[in-house]
Amino acid sequence: MLIEALRSGEYEQTNGWLRQGDGYCCLGVACDKSGLSEWKIGPRNYRYEGMSTQLPKTVQEWYGFATPSGRCMANFLSLTSLNDSGASFKQIADVIERELKDPKTTMFV
């Protein structure tokens, strides 16, 4: 579901926040697709379960992420870091897919 959403072109990409205006970071897409809560407008951005820059605990646990920034074991980068350093949603989806397929590594640590 997350990988498909990142590749869909449905989401405009932003950085620094889970969601700002019409833009989302990759973890904001994760929040949106989880359907566990609703977005609330804050003073500068949107919040999901009170969080604006990292995954709320419920979403983190729902996806199985061990960290609120979506740390990737193989390259020691978080999904947040990839997003904020300019990786496209499609590139991030490729990283997630690669991590899930490699039995020696997991992104969920």
Protein backbone atom coordinates (compact mmCIF):
# COMPACT_ATOMS: atom_id res chain seq x y z
CA MET A 1 0.00 0.00 0.00
CA LEU A 2 2.75 2.53 0.92
CA ILE A 3 5.00 1.51 -1.97
CA GLU A 4 2.14 1.79 -4.44
CA ALA A 5 1.10 5.19 -3.04
CA LEU A 6 4.64 6.54 -3.37
CA ARG A 7 4.79 5.40 -7.00
CA SER A 8 1.27 6.55 -7.88
CA GLY A 9 1.98 10.23 -8.54
CA GLU A 10 -1.03 11.02 -6.35
CA TYR A 11 1.06 12.82 -3.73
CA GLU A 12 3.03 16.04 -4.08
CA GLN A 13 6.37 15.77 -2.31
CA THR A 14 7.64 18.18 0.35
CA ASN A 15 10.30 17.97 3.03
CA GLY A 16 10.73 18.96 6.64
CA TRP A 17 7.16 18.07 7.63
CA LEU A 18 4.87 15.08 7.41
CA ARG A 19 2.44 17.28 5.52
CA GLN A 20 2.55 20.94 4.58
CA GLY A 21 -0.26 22.30 2.44
CA ASP A 22 -0.75 19.84 -0.42
CA GLY A 23 2.74 18.36 0.01
CA TYR A 24 3.73 15.25 1.94
CA CYS A 25 7.00 13.66 2.94
CA CYS A 26 7.20 9.90 2.44
CA LEU A 27 6.23 9.32 6.09
CA GLY A 28 3.30 11.70 5.66
CA VAL A 29 2.15 9.43 2.85
CA ALA A 30 2.52 6.51 5.28
CA CYS A 31 0.29 8.32 7.78
CA ASP A 32 -2.27 9.20 5.14
CA LYS A 33 -2.46 5.66 3.75
CA SER A 34 -2.67 4.07 7.21
CA GLY A 35 -6.09 5.63 7.83
CA LEU A 36 -5.50 5.35 11.57
CA SER A 37 -6.38 8.96 12.29
CA GLU A 38 -7.15 12.26 10.57
CA TRP A 39 -5.00 15.24 9.70
CA LYS A 40 -5.44 18.33 11.89
CA ILE A 41 -4.31 21.74 10.74
CA GLY A 42 -1.64 23.36 12.91
CA PRO A 43 -0.08 26.83 12.82
CA ARG A 44 2.50 26.03 10.08
CA ASN A 45 1.58 22.57 8.86
CA TYR A 46 -0.67 19.61 9.40
CA ARG A 47 -0.39 17.20 12.32
CA TYR A 48 -1.21 13.52 12.47
CA GLU A 49 -1.97 12.37 16.00
CA GLY A 50 -0.18 15.48 17.21
CA MET A 51 3.01 14.81 15.22
CA SER A 52 4.30 17.06 12.46
CA THR A 53 7.80 15.78 11.63
CA GLN A 54 7.93 12.10 12.66
CA LEU A 55 5.61 9.12 12.63
CA PRO A 56 3.16 8.89 15.49
CA LYS A 57 3.67 5.74 17.56
CA THR A 58 0.46 4.13 16.28
CA VAL A 59 1.49 4.53 12.62
CA GLN A 60 5.05 3.45 13.39
CA GLU A 61 3.73 0.26 15.00
CA TRP A 62 1.11 -0.32 12.29
CA TYR A 63 3.82 -0.41 9.60
CA GLY A 64 6.32 -2.17 11.87
CA PHE A 65 8.92 0.61 11.79
CA ALA A 66 11.25 0.49 14.80
CA THR A 67 11.97 4.22 14.64
CA PRO A 68 9.69 7.20 14.01
CA SER A 69 11.94 8.30 11.14
CA GLY A 70 11.74 4.99 9.22
CA ARG A 71 15.36 3.93 9.56
CA CYS A 72 16.71 1.66 6.79
CA MET A 73 19.11 -1.00 8.02
CA ALA A 74 21.10 -1.59 4.81
CA ASN A 75 22.23 1.98 4.22
CA PHE A 76 21.80 3.43 7.73
CA LEU A 77 19.65 6.23 6.37
CA SER A 78 16.16 6.96 7.50
CA LEU A 79 13.36 7.38 5.02
CA THR A 80 13.06 10.92 6.37
CA SER A 81 16.71 11.58 5.46
CA LEU A 82 16.21 10.19 1.98
CA ASN A 83 13.11 12.30 1.48
CA ASP A 84 14.69 15.50 2.80
CA SER A 85 17.91 15.03 0.79
CA GLY A 86 16.01 15.01 -2.49
CA ALA A 87 15.22 11.36 -3.22
CA SER A 88 11.99 11.10 -5.19
CA PHE A 89 9.03 9.13 -3.93
CA LYS A 90 9.76 6.50 -6.60
CA GLN A 91 13.36 6.18 -5.39
CA ILE A 92 12.16 5.85 -1.80
CA ALA A 93 9.64 3.18 -2.88
CA ASP A 94 12.52 1.29 -4.53
CA VAL A 95 14.52 1.42 -1.27
CA ILE A 96 11.55 0.14 0.74
CA GLU A 97 10.93 -2.67 -1.75
CA ARG A 98 14.61 -3.66 -1.82
CA GLU A 99 14.79 -3.71 1.99
CA LEU A 100 11.68 -5.88 2.25
CA LYS A 101 12.99 -8.41 -0.30
CA ASP A 102 16.48 -8.84 1.20
CA PRO A 103 16.27 -11.49 3.95
CA LYS A 104 19.56 -10.29 5.50
CA THR A 105 18.31 -6.78 6.14
CA THR A 106 15.10 -5.18 7.15
CA MET A 107 14.01 -1.60 7.12
CA PHE A 108 11.97 -2.22 10.22
CA VAL A 109 14.83 -2.03 12.72
